[in-house]
Amino acid sequence: MKRTLKTVLALVAMALVGTSAFADEKGYEIMKQVADFKEPAFTHSVVTISLKDKNGQGETWTVEEYGKSENGLASLVMIFQAGSKKGTRFLQIENDGKADDKFIYLPSLKQARRVNSSEGSKSFLGTDATYDDLTTRTVDQDEHTFICEESKNGYDCYKIKEVPYDTASSQYAYRITWIDKVSMYPIYTEMYNKNDKLVKTLTVESIVPNQGYDIPMTTTLCDVTTGHTTTMAITKIVIDQPLPARVFTQSFLESGK
């Protein structure tokens, strides 16, 4: 089973959490429930993305997002409507058994191009997420170990350590994740590099029930080394209203319609 969700930072949150052969029985059972997190079949949302440096200076973008989850696989389209990235469009398609497909349309090029695997460590459009951060991790890539039960950011949580079996498959040596016991959603994650140094944190600041789903409404990714942050806030969302298949194609990415 893979992890999917419909906004970029939420996608990062779930991509960072997979299930696998268990390091301990409790860790396995917890992460199995996380993998079964209930998600809408379709979402259509308006999102504000705010980028700020350590001094609070930065910029804000408005993005229209389309999301689809079908047979356990997710697709995501982002259309940048306002801000310095206006006219940019992004498509990510999750595949079964192979790497996600990613395509980006830049107004200056007037065409869509594939994002190559060699670009994985690059920043996604200047945000604190890399393209690898967005990549879905499969069920057998990480070992999960239950550490303890602990309160985090007002949530009663399970604390889990996640270590990639193949160190080359992740830019992080390990991650520490806090799972909300009620929603079974990862509400806080610390990411450590190969030198055992904390480099990023991902905070889900609010989860709101909507039509039977728990929707992460505001999420912040922080580069601990620079103090730069990327915050994504959903300002409007429509759930389970079917979207045309053409929306999740390169043709739509290039035309925007």
C-alpha atoms as a PDB file:
ATOM      1  CA  MET A   1       0.000   0.000   0.000  1.00  0.00           C
ATOM      2  CA  LYS A   2       1.228   3.503  -0.808  1.00  0.00           C
ATOM      3  CA  ARG A   3       0.544   6.835   0.814  1.00  0.00           C
ATOM      4  CA  THR A   4      -1.270   9.528  -1.132  1.00  0.00           C
ATOM      5  CA  LEU A   5      -2.788  12.951  -0.557  1.00  0.00           C
ATOM      6  CA  LYS A   6      -3.771  15.959  -2.577  1.00  0.00           C
ATOM      7  CA  THR A   7      -1.819  19.051  -1.566  1.00  0.00           C
ATOM      8  CA  VAL A   8       1.920  19.266  -2.025  1.00  0.00           C
ATOM      9  CA  LEU A   9       2.909  19.584   1.627  1.00  0.00           C
ATOM     10  CA  ALA A  10       0.337  17.017   2.621  1.00  0.00           C
ATOM     11  CA  LEU A  11       1.824  14.855  -0.114  1.00  0.00           C
ATOM     12  CA  VAL A  12       5.213  15.364   1.521  1.00  0.00           C
ATOM     13  CA  ALA A  13       3.750  14.345   4.873  1.00  0.00           C
ATOM     14  CA  MET A  14       2.343  11.123   3.518  1.00  0.00           C
ATOM     15  CA  ALA A  15       5.242  10.382   1.181  1.00  0.00           C
ATOM     16  CA  LEU A  16       7.482  10.501   4.236  1.00  0.00           C
ATOM     17  CA  VAL A  17       5.393   7.827   5.944  1.00  0.00           C
ATOM     18  CA  GLY A  18       5.217   4.325   4.491  1.00  0.00           C
ATOM     19  CA  THR A  19       4.567   0.877   5.914  1.00  0.00           C
ATOM     20  CA  SER A  20       6.917  -2.089   5.741  1.00  0.00           C
ATOM     21  CA  ALA A  21       8.076  -5.254   7.352  1.00  0.00           C
ATOM     22  CA  PHE A  22       7.922  -4.312  11.001  1.00  0.00           C
ATOM     23  CA  ALA A  23      10.799  -3.574  13.309  1.00  0.00           C
ATOM     24  CA  ASP A  24       8.410  -4.182  16.194  1.00  0.00           C
ATOM     25  CA  GLU A  25       4.806  -5.308  16.236  1.00  0.00           C
ATOM     26  CA  LYS A  26       3.385  -2.087  17.677  1.00  0.00           C
ATOM     27  CA  GLY A  27       5.251   0.112  15.191  1.00  0.00           C
ATOM     28  CA  TYR A  28       3.942  -2.018  12.350  1.00  0.00           C
ATOM     29  CA  GLU A  29       0.330  -1.910  13.546  1.00  0.00           C
ATOM     30  CA  ILE A  30       0.411   1.873  13.972  1.00  0.00           C
ATOM     31  CA  MET A  31       1.861   2.488  10.527  1.00  0.00           C
ATOM     32  CA  LYS A  32      -0.598   0.062   8.966  1.00  0.00           C
ATOM     33  CA  GLN A  33      -3.408   2.274  10.269  1.00  0.00           C
ATOM     34  CA  VAL A  34      -1.644   5.358   8.906  1.00  0.00           C
ATOM     35  CA  ALA A  35      -1.477   3.686   5.500  1.00  0.00           C
ATOM     36  CA  ASP A  36      -5.244   3.155   5.620  1.00  0.00           C
ATOM     37  CA  PHE A  37      -5.957   6.871   6.165  1.00  0.00           C
ATOM     38  CA  LYS A  38      -9.292   7.657   4.490  1.00  0.00           C
ATOM     39  CA  GLU A  39      -8.997  10.032   1.557  1.00  0.00           C
ATOM     40  CA  PRO A  40     -11.435  11.600  -0.916  1.00  0.00           C
ATOM     41  CA  ALA A  41     -11.640  10.239  -4.455  1.00  0.00           C
ATOM     42  CA  PHE A  42     -11.498  13.809  -5.787  1.00  0.00           C
ATOM     43  CA  THR A  43     -10.538  17.215  -4.419  1.00  0.00           C
ATOM     44  CA  HIS A  44     -10.596  20.664  -5.989  1.00  0.00           C
ATOM     45  CA  SER A  45      -9.061  23.351  -3.826  1.00  0.00           C
ATOM     46  CA  VAL A  46      -7.667  26.853  -3.661  1.00  0.00           C
ATOM     47  CA  VAL A  47      -4.414  27.040  -1.723  1.00  0.00           C
ATOM     48  CA  THR A  48      -2.233  29.870  -0.474  1.00  0.00           C
ATOM     49  CA  ILE A  49       1.493  29.106  -0.395  1.00  0.00           C
ATOM     50  CA  SER A  50       3.612  31.464   1.718  1.00  0.00           C
ATOM     51  CA  LEU A  51       7.407  31.467   1.601  1.00  0.00           C
ATOM     52  CA  LYS A  52       9.308  33.302   4.342  1.00  0.00           C
ATOM     53  CA  ASP A  53      12.962  33.650   5.271  1.00  0.00           C
ATOM     54  CA  LYS A  54      14.216  33.743   8.866  1.00  0.00           C
ATOM     55  CA  ASN A  55      13.427  37.471   9.005  1.00  0.00           C
ATOM     56  CA  GLY A  56       9.814  36.952   7.954  1.00  0.00           C
ATOM     57  CA  GLN A  57      10.362  38.329   4.448  1.00  0.00           C
ATOM     58  CA  GLY A  58       9.056  36.458   1.426  1.00  0.00           C
ATOM     59  CA  GLU A  59       6.194  36.088  -1.006  1.00  0.00           C
ATOM     60  CA  THR A  60       2.774  34.487  -1.367  1.00  0.00           C
ATOM     61  CA  TRP A  61       1.282  32.480  -4.228  1.00  0.00           C
ATOM     62  CA  THR A  62      -2.285  31.458  -4.984  1.00  0.00           C
ATOM     63  CA  VAL A  63      -2.639  27.964  -6.426  1.00  0.00           C
ATOM     64  CA  GLU A  64      -5.583  25.982  -7.772  1.00  0.00           C
ATOM     65  CA  GLU A  65      -5.197  22.261  -7.138  1.00  0.00           C
ATOM     66  CA  TYR A  66      -6.938  19.192  -8.516  1.00  0.00           C
ATOM     67  CA  GLY A  67      -6.483  15.823  -6.824  1.00  0.00           C
ATOM     68  CA  LYS A  68      -7.595  12.294  -7.655  1.00  0.00           C
ATOM     69  CA  SER A  69      -7.199   8.984  -5.864  1.00  0.00           C
ATOM     70  CA  GLU A  70      -8.058   5.857  -7.844  1.00  0.00           C
ATOM     71  CA  ASN A  71      -7.189   2.244  -6.989  1.00  0.00           C
ATOM     72  CA  GLY A  72      -4.884   3.502  -4.248  1.00  0.00           C
ATOM     73  CA  LEU A  73      -2.886   5.711  -6.636  1.00  0.00           C
ATOM     74  CA  ALA A  74      -2.957   9.507  -6.596  1.00  0.00           C
ATOM     75  CA  SER A  75      -2.639  12.215  -9.228  1.00  0.00           C
ATOM     76  CA  LEU A  76      -2.140  15.912  -8.504  1.00  0.00           C
ATOM     77  CA  VAL A  77      -2.336  19.033 -10.680  1.00  0.00           C
ATOM     78  CA  MET A  78      -1.262  22.493  -9.516  1.00  0.00           C
ATOM     79  CA  ILE A  79      -2.027  25.693 -11.437  1.00  0.00           C
ATOM     80  CA  PHE A  80      -0.302  28.821 -10.126  1.00  0.00           C
ATOM     81  CA  GLN A  81      -2.838  31.642 -10.452  1.00  0.00           C
ATOM     82  CA  ALA A  82      -1.115  34.562  -8.700  1.00  0.00           C
ATOM     83  CA  GLY A  83       2.361  35.508  -7.526  1.00  0.00           C
ATOM     84  CA  SER A  84       5.778  35.254  -9.145  1.00  0.00           C
ATOM     85  CA  LYS A  85       5.052  31.714 -10.405  1.00  0.00           C
ATOM     86  CA  LYS A  86       1.799  32.711 -12.170  1.00  0.00           C
ATOM     87  CA  GLY A  87       1.216  30.557 -15.236  1.00  0.00           C
ATOM     88  CA  THR A  88       3.356  27.662 -13.945  1.00  0.00           C
ATOM     89  CA  ARG A  89       1.620  24.284 -13.847  1.00  0.00           C
ATOM     90  CA  PHE A  90       2.676  20.959 -12.288  1.00  0.00           C
ATOM     91  CA  LEU A  91       1.442  17.385 -12.711  1.00  0.00           C
ATOM     92  CA  GLN A  92       2.364  14.367 -10.596  1.00  0.00           C
ATOM     93  CA  ILE A  93       1.058  10.865 -11.318  1.00  0.00           C
ATOM     94  CA  GLU A  94       1.643   8.021  -8.884  1.00  0.00           C
ATOM     95  CA  ASN A  95       2.443   4.676 -10.515  1.00  0.00           C
ATOM     96  CA  ASP A  96       2.146   1.147  -9.222  1.00  0.00           C
ATOM     97  CA  GLY A  97       5.553  -0.440  -8.771  1.00  0.00           C
ATOM     98  CA  LYS A  98       7.634   2.353 -10.301  1.00  0.00           C
ATOM     99  CA  ALA A  99       8.586   5.967  -9.665  1.00  0.00           C
ATOM    100  CA  ASP A 100       6.031   8.766  -9.854  1.00  0.00           C
ATOM    101  CA  ASP A 101       5.791  10.696 -13.112  1.00  0.00           C
ATOM    102  CA  LYS A 102       6.319  14.453 -12.688  1.00  0.00           C
ATOM    103  CA  PHE A 103       5.852  17.133 -15.335  1.00  0.00           C
ATOM    104  CA  ILE A 104       6.180  20.899 -15.129  1.00  0.00           C
ATOM    105  CA  TYR A 105       4.981  23.640 -17.459  1.00  0.00           C
ATOM    106  CA  LEU A 106       6.907  26.914 -17.366  1.00  0.00           C
ATOM    107  CA  PRO A 107       5.419  29.957 -19.143  1.00  0.00           C
ATOM    108  CA  SER A 108       8.866  30.990 -20.401  1.00  0.00           C
ATOM    109  CA  LEU A 109       9.274  27.665 -22.234  1.00  0.00           C
ATOM    110  CA  LYS A 110       5.630  27.429 -23.363  1.00  0.00           C
ATOM    111  CA  GLN A 111       5.717  23.643 -23.043  1.00  0.00           C
ATOM    112  CA  ALA A 112       5.670  20.928 -20.406  1.00  0.00           C
ATOM    113  CA  ARG A 113       8.748  18.873 -19.632  1.00  0.00           C
ATOM    114  CA  ARG A 114       9.362  15.787 -17.540  1.00  0.00           C
ATOM    115  CA  VAL A 115      11.133  16.251 -14.209  1.00  0.00           C
ATOM    116  CA  ASN A 116      14.002  13.757 -14.331  1.00  0.00           C
ATOM    117  CA  SER A 117      15.062  11.604 -11.393  1.00  0.00           C
ATOM    118  CA  SER A 118      18.435  13.398 -11.415  1.00  0.00           C
ATOM    119  CA  GLU A 119      16.597  16.559 -10.302  1.00  0.00           C
ATOM    120  CA  GLY A 120      15.295  14.914  -7.130  1.00  0.00           C
ATOM    121  CA  SER A 121      17.417  16.986  -4.754  1.00  0.00           C
ATOM    122  CA  LYS A 122      16.382  20.289  -6.371  1.00  0.00           C
ATOM    123  CA  SER A 123      13.899  22.617  -4.704  1.00  0.00           C
ATOM    124  CA  PHE A 124      10.335  22.440  -5.962  1.00  0.00           C
ATOM    125  CA  LEU A 125       9.871  25.952  -7.404  1.00  0.00           C
ATOM    126  CA  GLY A 126      11.843  27.607  -4.615  1.00  0.00           C
ATOM    127  CA  THR A 127       9.899  25.998  -1.776  1.00  0.00           C
ATOM    128  CA  ASP A 128      11.493  24.056   1.078  1.00  0.00           C
ATOM    129  CA  ALA A 129      10.351  20.789  -0.505  1.00  0.00           C
ATOM    130  CA  THR A 130      12.552  18.974  -2.987  1.00  0.00           C
ATOM    131  CA  TYR A 131      11.176  16.894  -5.832  1.00  0.00           C
ATOM    132  CA  ASP A 132      12.283  13.808  -3.881  1.00  0.00           C
ATOM    133  CA  ASP A 133      10.209  15.023  -0.916  1.00  0.00           C
ATOM    134  CA  LEU A 134       7.135  14.732  -3.134  1.00  0.00           C
ATOM    135  CA  THR A 135       7.956  11.219  -4.321  1.00  0.00           C
ATOM    136  CA  THR A 136       5.733   8.459  -2.944  1.00  0.00           C
ATOM    137  CA  ARG A 137       7.601   5.868  -0.891  1.00  0.00           C
ATOM    138  CA  THR A 138       6.483   2.279  -1.338  1.00  0.00           C
ATOM    139  CA  VAL A 139       5.429  -0.042   1.456  1.00  0.00           C
ATOM    140  CA  ASP A 140       8.702  -1.883   1.827  1.00  0.00           C
ATOM    141  CA  GLN A 141      11.188   0.984   1.805  1.00  0.00           C
ATOM    142  CA  ASP A 142      11.206   1.924   5.503  1.00  0.00           C
ATOM    143  CA  GLU A 143      11.617   0.185   8.846  1.00  0.00           C
ATOM    144  CA  HIS A 144       9.312   1.596  11.545  1.00  0.00           C
ATOM    145  CA  THR A 145      10.042   1.416  15.258  1.00  0.00           C
ATOM    146  CA  PHE A 146       7.638   2.513  17.986  1.00  0.00           C
ATOM    147  CA  ILE A 147       9.416   4.816  20.453  1.00  0.00           C
ATOM    148  CA  CYS A 148       6.730   5.976  22.889  1.00  0.00           C
ATOM    149  CA  GLU A 149       3.414   7.759  23.339  1.00  0.00           C
ATOM    150  CA  GLU A 150       3.900  11.503  23.575  1.00  0.00           C
ATOM    151  CA  SER A 151       1.983  14.780  23.279  1.00  0.00           C
ATOM    152  CA  LYS A 152       3.006  16.985  20.349  1.00  0.00           C
ATOM    153  CA  ASN A 153       1.579  20.372  19.352  1.00  0.00           C
ATOM    154  CA  GLY A 154      -1.589  19.690  21.333  1.00  0.00           C
ATOM    155  CA  TYR A 155      -2.112  16.202  19.882  1.00  0.00           C
ATOM    156  CA  ASP A 156      -1.861  12.888  21.768  1.00  0.00           C
ATOM    157  CA  CYS A 157       0.535  10.929  19.559  1.00  0.00           C
ATOM    158  CA  TYR A 158       2.483   7.794  18.796  1.00  0.00           C
ATOM    159  CA  LYS A 159       6.162   8.568  18.206  1.00  0.00           C
ATOM    160  CA  ILE A 160       7.780   6.466  15.469  1.00  0.00           C
ATOM    161  CA  LYS A 161      11.309   6.260  14.063  1.00  0.00           C
ATOM    162  CA  GLU A 162      11.533   5.524  10.331  1.00  0.00           C
ATOM    163  CA  VAL A 163      14.748   4.308   8.686  1.00  0.00           C
ATOM    164  CA  PRO A 164      15.117   3.541   4.959  1.00  0.00           C
ATOM    165  CA  TYR A 165      16.244  -0.001   4.238  1.00  0.00           C
ATOM    166  CA  ASP A 166      18.122   1.315   1.189  1.00  0.00           C
ATOM    167  CA  THR A 167      19.970   4.478   2.217  1.00  0.00           C
ATOM    168  CA  ALA A 168      20.260   5.527  -1.445  1.00  0.00           C
ATOM    169  CA  SER A 169      16.466   5.653  -1.728  1.00  0.00           C
ATOM    170  CA  SER A 170      16.136   8.681   0.576  1.00  0.00           C
ATOM    171  CA  GLN A 171      17.983  11.942   1.133  1.00  0.00           C
ATOM    172  CA  TYR A 172      17.358  11.436   4.861  1.00  0.00           C
ATOM    173  CA  ALA A 173      19.116   8.981   7.155  1.00  0.00           C
ATOM    174  CA  TYR A 174      15.974   8.675   9.267  1.00  0.00           C
ATOM    175  CA  ARG A 175      12.797  10.479  10.296  1.00  0.00           C
ATOM    176  CA  ILE A 176      10.994  10.832  13.605  1.00  0.00           C
ATOM    177  CA  THR A 177       7.229  11.100  13.141  1.00  0.00           C
ATOM    178  CA  TRP A 178       4.412  11.858  15.570  1.00  0.00           C
ATOM    179  CA  ILE A 179       1.074  10.229  14.636  1.00  0.00           C
ATOM    180  CA  ASP A 180      -2.146  11.713  15.998  1.00  0.00           C
ATOM    181  CA  LYS A 181      -4.012   8.902  17.785  1.00  0.00           C
ATOM    182  CA  VAL A 182      -7.438  10.213  16.721  1.00  0.00           C
ATOM    183  CA  SER A 183      -6.975  10.840  12.990  1.00  0.00           C
ATOM    184  CA  MET A 184      -3.960   8.497  12.577  1.00  0.00           C
ATOM    185  CA  TYR A 185      -2.327  11.254  10.547  1.00  0.00           C
ATOM    186  CA  PRO A 186       1.356  12.316  10.810  1.00  0.00           C
ATOM    187  CA  ILE A 187       1.109  15.754  12.424  1.00  0.00           C
ATOM    188  CA  TYR A 188       4.819  16.388  12.927  1.00  0.00           C
ATOM    189  CA  THR A 189       7.963  14.979  11.311  1.00  0.00           C
ATOM    190  CA  GLU A 190      11.665  15.614  11.899  1.00  0.00           C
ATOM    191  CA  MET A 191      14.065  14.754   9.068  1.00  0.00           C
ATOM    192  CA  TYR A 192      17.736  13.979   9.761  1.00  0.00           C
ATOM    193  CA  ASN A 193      20.640  13.843   7.312  1.00  0.00           C
ATOM    194  CA  LYS A 194      23.454  11.298   7.024  1.00  0.00           C
ATOM    195  CA  ASN A 195      25.414  13.190   9.699  1.00  0.00           C
ATOM    196  CA  ASP A 196      22.589  12.729  12.216  1.00  0.00           C
ATOM    197  CA  LYS A 197      21.712  16.433  11.957  1.00  0.00           C
ATOM    198  CA  LEU A 198      18.131  17.711  11.981  1.00  0.00           C
ATOM    199  CA  VAL A 199      17.602  19.466   8.628  1.00  0.00           C
ATOM    200  CA  LYS A 200      13.829  19.872   8.183  1.00  0.00           C
ATOM    201  CA  THR A 201      10.600  19.742  10.124  1.00  0.00           C
ATOM    202  CA  LEU A 202       7.081  19.296   8.773  1.00  0.00           C
ATOM    203  CA  THR A 203       4.199  20.522  10.932  1.00  0.00           C
ATOM    204  CA  VAL A 204       0.510  19.940  10.282  1.00  0.00           C
ATOM    205  CA  GLU A 205      -0.984  22.926  12.074  1.00  0.00           C
ATOM    206  CA  SER A 206      -4.661  22.071  11.672  1.00  0.00           C
ATOM    207  CA  ILE A 207      -6.776  19.054  10.698  1.00  0.00           C
ATOM    208  CA  VAL A 208     -10.457  19.753  10.029  1.00  0.00           C
ATOM    209  CA  PRO A 209     -13.260  17.154   9.585  1.00  0.00           C
ATOM    210  CA  ASN A 210     -15.057  17.605   6.249  1.00  0.00           C
ATOM    211  CA  GLN A 211     -17.688  15.211   4.850  1.00  0.00           C
ATOM    212  CA  GLY A 212     -16.308  12.285   6.811  1.00  0.00           C
ATOM    213  CA  TYR A 213     -12.655  13.007   5.979  1.00  0.00           C
ATOM    214  CA  ASP A 214      -9.912  14.524   8.134  1.00  0.00           C
ATOM    215  CA  ILE A 215      -8.403  17.248   5.956  1.00  0.00           C
ATOM    216  CA  PRO A 216      -4.980  18.780   6.803  1.00  0.00           C
ATOM    217  CA  MET A 217      -5.790  22.459   6.202  1.00  0.00           C
ATOM    218  CA  THR A 218      -2.522  24.180   7.110  1.00  0.00           C
ATOM    219  CA  THR A 219       0.957  22.666   6.851  1.00  0.00           C
ATOM    220  CA  THR A 220       4.431  24.186   7.290  1.00  0.00           C
ATOM    221  CA  LEU A 221       7.755  22.808   6.083  1.00  0.00           C
ATOM    222  CA  CYS A 222      10.818  24.395   7.691  1.00  0.00           C
ATOM    223  CA  ASP A 223      14.447  24.213   6.591  1.00  0.00           C
ATOM    224  CA  VAL A 224      16.093  24.172  10.009  1.00  0.00           C
ATOM    225  CA  THR A 225      19.523  25.081   8.604  1.00  0.00           C
ATOM    226  CA  THR A 226      18.336  28.375   7.056  1.00  0.00           C
ATOM    227  CA  GLY A 227      15.152  29.187   8.984  1.00  0.00           C
ATOM    228  CA  HIS A 228      13.229  29.416   5.698  1.00  0.00           C
ATOM    229  CA  THR A 229       9.639  28.123   5.764  1.00  0.00           C
ATOM    230  CA  THR A 230       6.951  27.133   3.272  1.00  0.00           C
ATOM    231  CA  THR A 231       3.362  27.216   4.546  1.00  0.00           C
ATOM    232  CA  MET A 232       0.441  25.848   2.566  1.00  0.00           C
ATOM    233  CA  ALA A 233      -3.092  26.759   3.655  1.00  0.00           C
ATOM    234  CA  ILE A 234      -6.262  25.506   1.978  1.00  0.00           C
ATOM    235  CA  THR A 235      -8.709  28.415   1.706  1.00  0.00           C
ATOM    236  CA  LYS A 236     -11.426  26.564  -0.223  1.00  0.00           C
ATOM    237  CA  ILE A 237     -12.023  22.887  -0.963  1.00  0.00           C
ATOM    238  CA  VAL A 238     -14.618  20.812  -2.816  1.00  0.00           C
ATOM    239  CA  ILE A 239     -14.615  17.101  -1.992  1.00  0.00           C
ATOM    240  CA  ASP A 240     -15.711  14.087  -4.057  1.00  0.00           C
ATOM    241  CA  GLN A 241     -17.048  16.061  -6.989  1.00  0.00           C
ATOM    242  CA  PRO A 242     -15.834  14.014  -9.999  1.00  0.00           C
ATOM    243  CA  LEU A 243     -13.212  15.607 -12.243  1.00  0.00           C
ATOM    244  CA  PRO A 244     -12.672  14.847 -15.959  1.00  0.00           C
ATOM    245  CA  ALA A 245      -9.834  12.417 -16.706  1.00  0.00           C
ATOM    246  CA  ARG A 246      -8.296  14.979 -19.082  1.00  0.00           C
ATOM    247  CA  VAL A 247      -7.394  17.206 -16.110  1.00  0.00           C
ATOM    248  CA  PHE A 248      -4.652  14.755 -15.132  1.00  0.00           C
ATOM    249  CA  THR A 249      -2.858  14.755 -18.501  1.00  0.00           C
ATOM    250  CA  GLN A 250       0.107  16.517 -20.096  1.00  0.00           C
ATOM    251  CA  SER A 251      -2.284  18.061 -22.610  1.00  0.00           C
ATOM    252  CA  PHE A 252      -4.175  19.807 -19.812  1.00  0.00           C
ATOM    253  CA  LEU A 253      -0.882  20.809 -18.235  1.00  0.00           C
ATOM    254  CA  GLU A 254       0.156  22.602 -21.419  1.00  0.00           C
ATOM    255  CA  SER A 255      -3.189  24.237 -22.185  1.00  0.00           C
ATOM    256  CA  GLY A 256      -4.488  24.832 -18.655  1.00  0.00           C
ATOM    257  CA  LYS A 257      -7.973  23.863 -19.859  1.00  0.00           C
END
